[in-house]
Amino acid sequence: MADVVGVPPVHANAETSERRNVVSASRAPRPVSVPGPNGRPLTFDDLPPPDTRRWVARRKAEVVTAVRGGLLTYEEALERWGLTPEEFGSWERAMERHGLDGLRVTRIRQFR
């Protein structure tokens, strides 16, 4: 995933979370779009619906990419989709280590 390489995880620890809150309060307006996991522009309207229950790899990657790109905040993502910090963090780690393939449920054993 070339567009996410070098971007630090947004959930690193409580200290990072506090810094992120300070930064987000003084941050410039959010971007209209960010480079998506497939290389195409990703907008807020392209994100999975809030009632999503079936999380395929593409949808997970879109959410992680949107948060990293500033399309929405980490907290907004957790609230919008009812995710736990652990769940979102596992998506981030899988994407960092193995790209989109790491988010596929059928591939989890191969990447452990």
PDB file of N, CA and C in Angstrom:
ATOM      1  N   MET A   1       0.842  -1.171   0.000  1.00  0.00           N
ATOM      2  CA  MET A   1       0.000   0.000   0.000  1.00  0.00           C
ATOM      3  C   MET A   1       0.888   1.235   0.000  1.00  0.00           C
ATOM      4  N   ALA A   2       1.239   1.711  -1.137  1.00  0.00           N
ATOM      5  CA  ALA A   2       2.175   2.807  -1.249  1.00  0.00           C
ATOM      6  C   ALA A   2       1.657   4.093  -0.621  1.00  0.00           C
ATOM      7  N   ASP A   3       0.355   4.323  -0.628  1.00  0.00           N
ATOM      8  CA  ASP A   3      -0.157   5.586  -0.130  1.00  0.00           C
ATOM      9  C   ASP A   3      -0.263   5.627   1.390  1.00  0.00           C
ATOM     10  N   VAL A   4       0.023   4.547   2.103  1.00  0.00           N
ATOM     11  CA  VAL A   4      -0.019   4.573   3.552  1.00  0.00           C
ATOM     12  C   VAL A   4       1.340   4.301   4.181  1.00  0.00           C
ATOM     13  N   VAL A   5       2.338   4.023   3.392  1.00  0.00           N
ATOM     14  CA  VAL A   5       3.673   3.759   3.912  1.00  0.00           C
ATOM     15  C   VAL A   5       4.222   5.041   4.518  1.00  0.00           C
ATOM     16  N   GLY A   6       4.768   4.929   5.702  1.00  0.00           N
ATOM     17  CA  GLY A   6       5.376   6.083   6.345  1.00  0.00           C
ATOM     18  C   GLY A   6       4.390   6.927   7.135  1.00  0.00           C
ATOM     19  N   VAL A   7       3.106   6.604   7.097  1.00  0.00           N
ATOM     20  CA  VAL A   7       2.123   7.336   7.873  1.00  0.00           C
ATOM     21  C   VAL A   7       1.971   6.630   9.212  1.00  0.00           C
ATOM     22  N   PRO A   8       2.234   7.334  10.312  1.00  0.00           N
ATOM     23  CA  PRO A   8       2.185   6.675  11.610  1.00  0.00           C
ATOM     24  C   PRO A   8       0.763   6.290  11.985  1.00  0.00           C
ATOM     25  N   PRO A   9       0.601   5.224  12.761  1.00  0.00           N
ATOM     26  CA  PRO A   9      -0.732   4.838  13.224  1.00  0.00           C
ATOM     27  C   PRO A   9      -1.342   5.955  14.057  1.00  0.00           C
ATOM     28  N   VAL A  10      -2.644   6.093  14.013  1.00  0.00           N
ATOM     29  CA  VAL A  10      -3.287   7.179  14.747  1.00  0.00           C
ATOM     30  C   VAL A  10      -3.683   6.799  16.155  1.00  0.00           C
ATOM     31  N   HIS A  11      -3.528   5.555  16.546  1.00  0.00           N
ATOM     32  CA  HIS A  11      -3.988   5.114  17.856  1.00  0.00           C
ATOM     33  C   HIS A  11      -2.842   4.764  18.803  1.00  0.00           C
ATOM     34  N   ALA A  12      -1.648   5.169  18.512  1.00  0.00           N
ATOM     35  CA  ALA A  12      -0.450   4.665  19.168  1.00  0.00           C
ATOM     36  C   ALA A  12      -0.562   4.524  20.688  1.00  0.00           C
ATOM     37  N   ASN A  13      -0.983   5.552  21.404  1.00  0.00           N
ATOM     38  CA  ASN A  13      -1.141   5.454  22.854  1.00  0.00           C
ATOM     39  C   ASN A  13      -1.919   6.658  23.364  1.00  0.00           C
ATOM     40  N   ALA A  14      -2.131   6.718  24.653  1.00  0.00           N
ATOM     41  CA  ALA A  14      -2.930   7.802  25.226  1.00  0.00           C
ATOM     42  C   ALA A  14      -2.269   9.153  25.004  1.00  0.00           C
ATOM     43  N   GLU A  15      -0.939   9.205  25.109  1.00  0.00           N
ATOM     44  CA  GLU A  15      -0.235  10.464  24.905  1.00  0.00           C
ATOM     45  C   GLU A  15      -0.435  10.966  23.480  1.00  0.00           C
ATOM     46  N   THR A  16      -0.338  10.061  22.510  1.00  0.00           N
ATOM     47  CA  THR A  16      -0.563  10.413  21.120  1.00  0.00           C
ATOM     48  C   THR A  16      -1.994  10.898  20.937  1.00  0.00           C
ATOM     49  N   SER A  17      -2.935  10.238  21.596  1.00  0.00           N
ATOM     50  CA  SER A  17      -4.340  10.622  21.506  1.00  0.00           C
ATOM     51  C   SER A  17      -4.543  12.045  22.011  1.00  0.00           C
ATOM     52  N   GLU A  18      -3.906  12.384  23.123  1.00  0.00           N
ATOM     53  CA  GLU A  18      -4.032  13.736  23.654  1.00  0.00           C
ATOM     54  C   GLU A  18      -3.446  14.756  22.690  1.00  0.00           C
ATOM     55  N   ARG A  19      -2.273  14.452  22.124  1.00  0.00           N
ATOM     56  CA  ARG A  19      -1.676  15.362  21.153  1.00  0.00           C
ATOM     57  C   ARG A  19      -2.563  15.517  19.934  1.00  0.00           C
ATOM     58  N   ARG A  20      -3.158  14.413  19.491  1.00  0.00           N
ATOM     59  CA  ARG A  20      -4.014  14.452  18.310  1.00  0.00           C
ATOM     60  C   ARG A  20      -5.211  15.363  18.562  1.00  0.00           C
ATOM     61  N   ASN A  21      -5.792  15.314  19.777  1.00  0.00           N
ATOM     62  CA  ASN A  21      -6.929  16.162  20.097  1.00  0.00           C
ATOM     63  C   ASN A  21      -6.551  17.631  20.055  1.00  0.00           C
ATOM     64  N   VAL A  22      -5.366  17.971  20.556  1.00  0.00           N
ATOM     65  CA  VAL A  22      -4.900  19.350  20.515  1.00  0.00           C
ATOM     66  C   VAL A  22      -4.680  19.780  19.071  1.00  0.00           C
ATOM     67  N   VAL A  23      -4.042  18.920  18.292  1.00  0.00           N
ATOM     68  CA  VAL A  23      -3.767  19.243  16.898  1.00  0.00           C
ATOM     69  C   VAL A  23      -5.055  19.377  16.105  1.00  0.00           C
ATOM     70  N   SER A  24      -6.014  18.470  16.317  1.00  0.00           N
ATOM     71  CA  SER A  24      -7.234  18.508  15.523  1.00  0.00           C
ATOM     72  C   SER A  24      -8.059  19.753  15.810  1.00  0.00           C
ATOM     73  N   ALA A  25      -7.966  20.297  17.026  1.00  0.00           N
ATOM     74  CA  ALA A  25      -8.712  21.504  17.350  1.00  0.00           C
ATOM     75  C   ALA A  25      -8.173  22.711  16.594  1.00  0.00           C
ATOM     76  N   SER A  26      -6.884  22.696  16.275  1.00  0.00           N
ATOM     77  CA  SER A  26      -6.293  23.839  15.587  1.00  0.00           C
ATOM     78  C   SER A  26      -5.941  23.518  14.137  1.00  0.00           C
ATOM     79  N   ARG A  27      -6.357  22.389  13.656  1.00  0.00           N
ATOM     80  CA  ARG A  27      -6.009  21.921  12.320  1.00  0.00           C
ATOM     81  C   ARG A  27      -6.797  22.663  11.243  1.00  0.00           C
ATOM     82  N   ALA A  28      -6.220  22.691  10.064  1.00  0.00           N
ATOM     83  CA  ALA A  28      -6.877  23.285   8.901  1.00  0.00           C
ATOM     84  C   ALA A  28      -8.111  22.458   8.547  1.00  0.00           C
ATOM     85  N   PRO A  29      -8.991  22.998   7.716  1.00  0.00           N
ATOM     86  CA  PRO A  29     -10.186  22.241   7.320  1.00  0.00           C
ATOM     87  C   PRO A  29      -9.822  20.877   6.741  1.00  0.00           C
ATOM     88  N   ARG A  30     -10.729  19.955   6.886  1.00  0.00           N
ATOM     89  CA  ARG A  30     -10.506  18.594   6.393  1.00  0.00           C
ATOM     90  C   ARG A  30     -10.453  18.570   4.874  1.00  0.00           C
ATOM     91  N   PRO A  31      -9.692  17.626   4.349  1.00  0.00           N
ATOM     92  CA  PRO A  31      -9.641  17.499   2.892  1.00  0.00           C
ATOM     93  C   PRO A  31     -10.972  16.975   2.354  1.00  0.00           C
ATOM     94  N   VAL A  32     -11.254  17.310   1.110  1.00  0.00           N
ATOM     95  CA  VAL A  32     -12.462  16.826   0.452  1.00  0.00           C
ATOM     96  C   VAL A  32     -12.269  15.370   0.054  1.00  0.00           C
ATOM     97  N   SER A  33     -11.044  15.021  -0.308  1.00  0.00           N
ATOM     98  CA  SER A  33     -10.737  13.638  -0.661  1.00  0.00           C
ATOM     99  C   SER A  33      -9.298  13.328  -0.272  1.00  0.00           C
ATOM    100  N   VAL A  34      -9.028  12.041  -0.150  1.00  0.00           N
ATOM    101  CA  VAL A  34      -7.670  11.563   0.129  1.00  0.00           C
ATOM    102  C   VAL A  34      -7.404  10.415  -0.839  1.00  0.00           C
ATOM    103  N   PRO A  35      -6.139  10.112  -1.108  1.00  0.00           N
ATOM    104  CA  PRO A  35      -5.858   8.947  -1.963  1.00  0.00           C
ATOM    105  C   PRO A  35      -6.349   7.678  -1.272  1.00  0.00           C
ATOM    106  N   GLY A  36      -7.201   6.945  -1.940  1.00  0.00           N
ATOM    107  CA  GLY A  36      -7.769   5.729  -1.371  1.00  0.00           C
ATOM    108  C   GLY A  36      -6.818   4.560  -1.443  1.00  0.00           C
ATOM    109  N   PRO A  37      -7.194   3.449  -0.843  1.00  0.00           N
ATOM    110  CA  PRO A  37      -6.322   2.274  -0.838  1.00  0.00           C
ATOM    111  C   PRO A  37      -6.078   1.698  -2.226  1.00  0.00           C
ATOM    112  N   ASN A  38      -6.947   2.011  -3.167  1.00  0.00           N
ATOM    113  CA  ASN A  38      -6.779   1.525  -4.541  1.00  0.00           C
ATOM    114  C   ASN A  38      -6.151   2.583  -5.445  1.00  0.00           C
ATOM    115  N   GLY A  39      -5.765   3.732  -4.855  1.00  0.00           N
ATOM    116  CA  GLY A  39      -5.131   4.792  -5.632  1.00  0.00           C
ATOM    117  C   GLY A  39      -6.099   5.842  -6.151  1.00  0.00           C
ATOM    118  N   ARG A  40      -7.378   5.562  -6.103  1.00  0.00           N
ATOM    119  CA  ARG A  40      -8.393   6.525  -6.549  1.00  0.00           C
ATOM    120  C   ARG A  40      -8.760   7.443  -5.396  1.00  0.00           C
ATOM    121  N   PRO A  41      -9.243   8.654  -5.709  1.00  0.00           N
ATOM    122  CA  PRO A  41      -9.654   9.562  -4.632  1.00  0.00           C
ATOM    123  C   PRO A  41     -10.777   8.943  -3.789  1.00  0.00           C
ATOM    124  N   LEU A  42     -10.692   9.126  -2.488  1.00  0.00           N
ATOM    125  CA  LEU A  42     -11.674   8.614  -1.543  1.00  0.00           C
ATOM    126  C   LEU A  42     -12.315   9.810  -0.853  1.00  0.00           C
ATOM    127  N   THR A  43     -13.639   9.942  -0.960  1.00  0.00           N
ATOM    128  CA  THR A  43     -14.360  11.031  -0.313  1.00  0.00           C
ATOM    129  C   THR A  43     -15.195  10.471   0.832  1.00  0.00           C
ATOM    130  N   PHE A  44     -15.743  11.363   1.636  1.00  0.00           N
ATOM    131  CA  PHE A  44     -16.576  10.942   2.754  1.00  0.00           C
ATOM    132  C   PHE A  44     -17.762  10.115   2.256  1.00  0.00           C
ATOM    133  N   ASP A  45     -18.316  10.503   1.112  1.00  0.00           N
ATOM    134  CA  ASP A  45     -19.463   9.780   0.543  1.00  0.00           C
ATOM    135  C   ASP A  45     -19.104   8.372   0.081  1.00  0.00           C
ATOM    136  N   ASP A  46     -17.824   8.118  -0.170  1.00  0.00           N
ATOM    137  CA  ASP A  46     -17.376   6.788  -0.608  1.00  0.00           C
ATOM    138  C   ASP A  46     -17.207   5.807   0.558  1.00  0.00           C
ATOM    139  N   LEU A  47     -17.214   6.312   1.772  1.00  0.00           N
ATOM    140  CA  LEU A  47     -16.986   5.457   2.938  1.00  0.00           C
ATOM    141  C   LEU A  47     -18.169   4.522   3.162  1.00  0.00           C
ATOM    142  N   PRO A  48     -17.923   3.392   3.816  1.00  0.00           N
ATOM    143  CA  PRO A  48     -19.011   2.443   4.084  1.00  0.00           C
ATOM    144  C   PRO A  48     -20.129   3.099   4.894  1.00  0.00           C
ATOM    145  N   PRO A  49     -21.368   2.657   4.715  1.00  0.00           N
ATOM    146  CA  PRO A  49     -22.471   3.221   5.499  1.00  0.00           C
ATOM    147  C   PRO A  49     -22.301   2.923   6.985  1.00  0.00           C
ATOM    148  N   PRO A  50     -22.852   3.783   7.851  1.00  0.00           N
ATOM    149  CA  PRO A  50     -22.698   3.588   9.296  1.00  0.00           C
ATOM    150  C   PRO A  50     -23.225   2.254   9.818  1.00  0.00           C
ATOM    151  N   ASP A  51     -24.179   1.665   9.123  1.00  0.00           N
ATOM    152  CA  ASP A  51     -24.751   0.401   9.601  1.00  0.00           C
ATOM    153  C   ASP A  51     -24.053  -0.828   9.017  1.00  0.00           C
ATOM    154  N   THR A  52     -22.851  -0.664   8.507  1.00  0.00           N
ATOM    155  CA  THR A  52     -22.096  -1.777   7.920  1.00  0.00           C
ATOM    156  C   THR A  52     -21.864  -2.866   8.954  1.00  0.00           C
ATOM    157  N   ARG A  53     -22.164  -4.090   8.581  1.00  0.00           N
ATOM    158  CA  ARG A  53     -21.941  -5.241   9.453  1.00  0.00           C
ATOM    159  C   ARG A  53     -20.965  -6.225   8.826  1.00  0.00           C
ATOM    160  N   ARG A  54     -20.862  -6.217   7.518  1.00  0.00           N
ATOM    161  CA  ARG A  54     -19.961  -7.145   6.821  1.00  0.00           C
ATOM    162  C   ARG A  54     -18.725  -6.367   6.386  1.00  0.00           C
ATOM    163  N   TRP A  55     -17.628  -6.594   7.083  1.00  0.00           N
ATOM    164  CA  TRP A  55     -16.413  -5.826   6.854  1.00  0.00           C
ATOM    165  C   TRP A  55     -15.454  -6.580   5.940  1.00  0.00           C
ATOM    166  N   VAL A  56     -15.555  -6.318   4.648  1.00  0.00           N
ATOM    167  CA  VAL A  56     -14.612  -6.889   3.693  1.00  0.00           C
ATOM    168  C   VAL A  56     -13.334  -6.056   3.731  1.00  0.00           C
ATOM    169  N   ALA A  57     -12.272  -6.591   3.205  1.00  0.00           N
ATOM    170  CA  ALA A  57     -10.957  -5.933   3.253  1.00  0.00           C
ATOM    171  C   ALA A  57     -10.991  -4.521   2.680  1.00  0.00           C
ATOM    172  N   ARG A  58     -11.683  -4.342   1.576  1.00  0.00           N
ATOM    173  CA  ARG A  58     -11.738  -3.016   0.927  1.00  0.00           C
ATOM    174  C   ARG A  58     -12.342  -1.982   1.864  1.00  0.00           C
ATOM    175  N   ARG A  59     -13.417  -2.328   2.550  1.00  0.00           N
ATOM    176  CA  ARG A  59     -14.069  -1.373   3.456  1.00  0.00           C
ATOM    177  C   ARG A  59     -13.178  -1.035   4.645  1.00  0.00           C
ATOM    178  N   LYS A  60     -12.517  -2.028   5.188  1.00  0.00           N
ATOM    179  CA  LYS A  60     -11.585  -1.784   6.297  1.00  0.00           C
ATOM    180  C   LYS A  60     -10.481  -0.830   5.846  1.00  0.00           C
ATOM    181  N   ALA A  61      -9.931  -1.086   4.672  1.00  0.00           N
ATOM    182  CA  ALA A  61      -8.850  -0.253   4.138  1.00  0.00           C
ATOM    183  C   ALA A  61      -9.328   1.176   3.897  1.00  0.00           C
ATOM    184  N   GLU A  62     -10.558   1.335   3.432  1.00  0.00           N
ATOM    185  CA  GLU A  62     -11.091   2.678   3.209  1.00  0.00           C
ATOM    186  C   GLU A  62     -11.194   3.451   4.515  1.00  0.00           C
ATOM    187  N   VAL A  63     -11.647   2.796   5.571  1.00  0.00           N
ATOM    188  CA  VAL A  63     -11.785   3.469   6.862  1.00  0.00           C
ATOM    189  C   VAL A  63     -10.414   3.850   7.420  1.00  0.00           C
ATOM    190  N   VAL A  64      -9.469   2.932   7.396  1.00  0.00           N
ATOM    191  CA  VAL A  64      -8.122   3.224   7.897  1.00  0.00           C
ATOM    192  C   VAL A  64      -7.495   4.362   7.091  1.00  0.00           C
ATOM    193  N   THR A  65      -7.610   4.302   5.785  1.00  0.00           N
ATOM    194  CA  THR A  65      -7.039   5.335   4.911  1.00  0.00           C
ATOM    195  C   THR A  65      -7.702   6.686   5.156  1.00  0.00           C
ATOM    196  N   ALA A  66      -9.013   6.697   5.342  1.00  0.00           N
ATOM    197  CA  ALA A  66      -9.731   7.948   5.598  1.00  0.00           C
ATOM    198  C   ALA A  66      -9.283   8.591   6.903  1.00  0.00           C
ATOM    199  N   VAL A  67      -9.091   7.782   7.941  1.00  0.00           N
ATOM    200  CA  VAL A  67      -8.639   8.321   9.222  1.00  0.00           C
ATOM    201  C   VAL A  67      -7.214   8.846   9.091  1.00  0.00           C
ATOM    202  N   ARG A  68      -6.355   8.074   8.481  1.00  0.00           N
ATOM    203  CA  ARG A  68      -4.958   8.517   8.314  1.00  0.00           C
ATOM    204  C   ARG A  68      -4.843   9.772   7.460  1.00  0.00           C
ATOM    205  N   GLY A  69      -5.723   9.896   6.489  1.00  0.00           N
ATOM    206  CA  GLY A  69      -5.683  11.061   5.605  1.00  0.00           C
ATOM    207  C   GLY A  69      -6.399  12.278   6.143  1.00  0.00           C
ATOM    208  N   GLY A  70      -7.099  12.132   7.273  1.00  0.00           N
ATOM    209  CA  GLY A  70      -7.771  13.269   7.883  1.00  0.00           C
ATOM    210  C   GLY A  70      -9.189  13.506   7.389  1.00  0.00           C
ATOM    211  N   LEU A  71      -9.741  12.568   6.645  1.00  0.00           N
ATOM    212  CA  LEU A  71     -11.105  12.700   6.158  1.00  0.00           C
ATOM    213  C   LEU A  71     -12.096  12.672   7.323  1.00  0.00           C
ATOM    214  N   LEU A  72     -11.771  11.904   8.360  1.00  0.00           N
ATOM    215  CA  LEU A  72     -12.515  11.895   9.613  1.00  0.00           C
ATOM    216  C   LEU A  72     -11.540  11.501  10.712  1.00  0.00           C
ATOM    217  N   THR A  73     -11.915  11.768  11.938  1.00  0.00           N
ATOM    218  CA  THR A  73     -11.006  11.481  13.045  1.00  0.00           C
ATOM    219  C   THR A  73     -11.145  10.031  13.487  1.00  0.00           C
ATOM    220  N   TYR A  74     -10.169   9.593  14.247  1.00  0.00           N
ATOM    221  CA  TYR A  74     -10.161   8.253  14.834  1.00  0.00           C
ATOM    222  C   TYR A  74     -11.426   8.054  15.671  1.00  0.00           C
ATOM    223  N   GLU A  75     -11.722   9.028  16.522  1.00  0.00           N
ATOM    224  CA  GLU A  75     -12.898   8.934  17.382  1.00  0.00           C
ATOM    225  C   GLU A  75     -14.180   8.882  16.563  1.00  0.00           C
ATOM    226  N   GLU A  76     -14.258   9.674  15.502  1.00  0.00           N
ATOM    227  CA  GLU A  76     -15.443   9.661  14.641  1.00  0.00           C
ATOM    228  C   GLU A  76     -15.627   8.294  13.984  1.00  0.00           C
ATOM    229  N   ALA A  77     -14.541   7.695  13.568  1.00  0.00           N
ATOM    230  CA  ALA A  77     -14.620   6.371  12.934  1.00  0.00           C
ATOM    231  C   ALA A  77     -15.124   5.327  13.919  1.00  0.00           C
ATOM    232  N   LEU A  78     -14.586   5.349  15.140  1.00  0.00           N
ATOM    233  CA  LEU A  78     -15.029   4.386  16.145  1.00  0.00           C
ATOM    234  C   LEU A  78     -16.522   4.545  16.418  1.00  0.00           C
ATOM    235  N   GLU A  79     -16.953   5.783  16.553  1.00  0.00           N
ATOM    236  CA  GLU A  79     -18.368   6.046  16.851  1.00  0.00           C
ATOM    237  C   GLU A  79     -19.274   5.723  15.654  1.00  0.00           C
ATOM    238  N   ARG A  80     -18.872   6.153  14.475  1.00  0.00           N
ATOM    239  CA  ARG A  80     -19.714   5.965  13.279  1.00  0.00           C
ATOM    240  C   ARG A  80     -20.000   4.492  12.987  1.00  0.00           C
ATOM    241  N   TRP A  81     -18.970   3.642  13.129  1.00  0.00           N
ATOM    242  CA  TRP A  81     -19.132   2.231  12.782  1.00  0.00           C
ATOM    243  C   TRP A  81     -19.191   1.308  14.005  1.00  0.00           C
ATOM    244  N   GLY A  82     -19.191   1.865  15.199  1.00  0.00           N
ATOM    245  CA  GLY A  82     -19.274   1.042  16.396  1.00  0.00           C
ATOM    246  C   GLY A  82     -18.067   0.132  16.563  1.00  0.00           C
ATOM    247  N   LEU A  83     -16.891   0.630  16.197  1.00  0.00           N
ATOM    248  CA  LEU A  83     -15.663  -0.156  16.291  1.00  0.00           C
ATOM    249  C   LEU A  83     -15.032   0.015  17.663  1.00  0.00           C
ATOM    250  N   THR A  84     -14.300  -0.980  18.088  1.00  0.00           N
ATOM    251  CA  THR A  84     -13.521  -0.853  19.305  1.00  0.00           C
ATOM    252  C   THR A  84     -12.127  -0.361  18.922  1.00  0.00           C
ATOM    253  N   PRO A  85     -11.417   0.272  19.854  1.00  0.00           N
ATOM    254  CA  PRO A  85     -10.045   0.685  19.542  1.00  0.00           C
ATOM    255  C   PRO A  85      -9.175  -0.506  19.132  1.00  0.00           C
ATOM    256  N   GLU A  86      -9.402  -1.661  19.757  1.00  0.00           N
ATOM    257  CA  GLU A  86      -8.624  -2.857  19.421  1.00  0.00           C
ATOM    258  C   GLU A  86      -8.888  -3.305  17.991  1.00  0.00           C
ATOM    259  N   GLU A  87     -10.151  -3.258  17.586  1.00  0.00           N
ATOM    260  CA  GLU A  87     -10.516  -3.683  16.234  1.00  0.00           C
ATOM    261  C   GLU A  87      -9.878  -2.767  15.192  1.00  0.00           C
ATOM    262  N   PHE A  88     -10.027  -1.457  15.397  1.00  0.00           N
ATOM    263  CA  PHE A  88      -9.434  -0.517  14.450  1.00  0.00           C
ATOM    264  C   PHE A  88      -7.913  -0.668  14.442  1.00  0.00           C
ATOM    265  N   GLY A  89      -7.322  -0.818  15.611  1.00  0.00           N
ATOM    266  CA  GLY A  89      -5.872  -0.986  15.701  1.00  0.00           C
ATOM    267  C   GLY A  89      -5.390  -2.226  14.969  1.00  0.00           C
ATOM    268  N   SER A  90      -6.162  -3.300  15.050  1.00  0.00           N
ATOM    269  CA  SER A  90      -5.766  -4.524  14.339  1.00  0.00           C
ATOM    270  C   SER A  90      -5.812  -4.308  12.832  1.00  0.00           C
ATOM    271  N   TRP A  91      -6.780  -3.522  12.362  1.00  0.00           N
ATOM    272  CA  TRP A  91      -6.859  -3.216  10.924  1.00  0.00           C
ATOM    273  C   TRP A  91      -5.628  -2.412  10.507  1.00  0.00           C
ATOM    274  N   GLU A  92      -5.274  -1.421  11.323  1.00  0.00           N
ATOM    275  CA  GLU A  92      -4.098  -0.597  11.012  1.00  0.00           C
ATOM    276  C   GLU A  92      -2.829  -1.438  10.944  1.00  0.00           C
ATOM    277  N   ARG A  93      -2.627  -2.282  11.958  1.00  0.00           N
ATOM    278  CA  ARG A  93      -1.417  -3.110  11.984  1.00  0.00           C
ATOM    279  C   ARG A  93      -1.376  -4.067  10.796  1.00  0.00           C
ATOM    280  N   ALA A  94      -2.503  -4.685  10.484  1.00  0.00           N
ATOM    281  CA  ALA A  94      -2.550  -5.614   9.350  1.00  0.00           C
ATOM    282  C   ALA A  94      -2.236  -4.887   8.055  1.00  0.00           C
ATOM    283  N   MET A  95      -2.756  -3.680   7.916  1.00  0.00           N
ATOM    284  CA  MET A  95      -2.520  -2.908   6.698  1.00  0.00           C
ATOM    285  C   MET A  95      -1.058  -2.453   6.611  1.00  0.00           C
ATOM    286  N   GLU A  96      -0.486  -2.065   7.743  1.00  0.00           N
ATOM    287  CA  GLU A  96       0.918  -1.650   7.770  1.00  0.00           C
ATOM    288  C   GLU A  96       1.835  -2.797   7.368  1.00  0.00           C
ATOM    289  N   ARG A  97       1.560  -3.960   7.905  1.00  0.00           N
ATOM    290  CA  ARG A  97       2.436  -5.110   7.694  1.00  0.00           C
ATOM    291  C   ARG A  97       2.249  -5.800   6.351  1.00  0.00           C
ATOM    292  N   HIS A  98       0.976  -5.908   5.908  1.00  0.00           N
ATOM    293  CA  HIS A  98       0.699  -6.743   4.739  1.00  0.00           C
ATOM    294  C   HIS A  98      -0.168  -6.095   3.678  1.00  0.00           C
ATOM    295  N   GLY A  99      -0.495  -4.817   3.836  1.00  0.00           N
ATOM    296  CA  GLY A  99      -1.339  -4.145   2.858  1.00  0.00           C
ATOM    297  C   GLY A  99      -2.759  -4.686   2.879  1.00  0.00           C
ATOM    298  N   LEU A 100      -3.455  -4.522   1.792  1.00  0.00           N
ATOM    299  CA  LEU A 100      -4.849  -4.943   1.685  1.00  0.00           C
ATOM    300  C   LEU A 100      -5.020  -6.435   1.968  1.00  0.00           C
ATOM    301  N   ASP A 101      -4.076  -7.247   1.540  1.00  0.00           N
ATOM    302  CA  ASP A 101      -4.177  -8.695   1.788  1.00  0.00           C
ATOM    303  C   ASP A 101      -4.200  -9.028   3.276  1.00  0.00           C
ATOM    304  N   GLY A 102      -3.552  -8.219   4.093  1.00  0.00           N
ATOM    305  CA  GLY A 102      -3.542  -8.458   5.527  1.00  0.00           C
ATOM    306  C   GLY A 102      -4.900  -8.270   6.174  1.00  0.00           C
ATOM    307  N   LEU A 103      -5.801  -7.567   5.493  1.00  0.00           N
ATOM    308  CA  LEU A 103      -7.138  -7.319   6.028  1.00  0.00           C
ATOM    309  C   LEU A 103      -8.137  -8.408   5.651  1.00  0.00           C
ATOM    310  N   ARG A 104      -7.734  -9.316   4.818  1.00  0.00           N
ATOM    311  CA  ARG A 104      -8.636 -10.394   4.407  1.00  0.00           C
ATOM    312  C   ARG A 104      -8.704 -11.449   5.505  1.00  0.00           C
ATOM    313  N   VAL A 105      -9.904 -11.790   5.918  1.00  0.00           N
ATOM    314  CA  VAL A 105     -10.096 -12.744   7.003  1.00  0.00           C
ATOM    315  C   VAL A 105      -9.495 -14.102   6.657  1.00  0.00           C
ATOM    316  N   THR A 106      -9.599 -14.507   5.412  1.00  0.00           N
ATOM    317  CA  THR A 106      -9.079 -15.820   5.014  1.00  0.00           C
ATOM    318  C   THR A 106      -7.556 -15.868   5.030  1.00  0.00           C
ATOM    319  N   ARG A 107      -6.900 -14.739   5.113  1.00  0.00           N
ATOM    320  CA  ARG A 107      -5.439 -14.686   5.083  1.00  0.00           C
ATOM    321  C   ARG A 107      -4.814 -14.525   6.461  1.00  0.00           C
ATOM    322  N   ILE A 108      -5.602 -14.380   7.502  1.00  0.00           N
ATOM    323  CA  ILE A 108      -5.054 -14.084   8.826  1.00  0.00           C
ATOM    324  C   ILE A 108      -4.029 -15.129   9.257  1.00  0.00           C
ATOM    325  N   ARG A 109      -4.317 -16.387   9.102  1.00  0.00           N
ATOM    326  CA  ARG A 109      -3.375 -17.430   9.536  1.00  0.00           C
ATOM    327  C   ARG A 109      -2.036 -17.328   8.812  1.00  0.00           C
ATOM    328  N   GLN A 110      -2.079 -17.013   7.543  1.00  0.00           N
ATOM    329  CA  GLN A 110      -0.843 -16.939   6.763  1.00  0.00           C
ATOM    330  C   GLN A 110       0.064 -15.819   7.232  1.00  0.00           C
ATOM    331  N   PHE A 111      -0.526 -14.737   7.795  1.00  0.00           N
ATOM    332  CA  PHE A 111       0.264 -13.571   8.165  1.00  0.00           C
ATOM    333  C   PHE A 111       0.647 -13.521   9.633  1.00  0.00           C
ATOM    334  N   ARG A 112       0.229 -14.488  10.410  1.00  0.00           N
ATOM    335  CA  ARG A 112       0.572 -14.473  11.851  1.00  0.00           C
ATOM    336  C   ARG A 112       1.986 -14.878  12.080  1.00  0.00           C
TER     337      ARG A 112
END
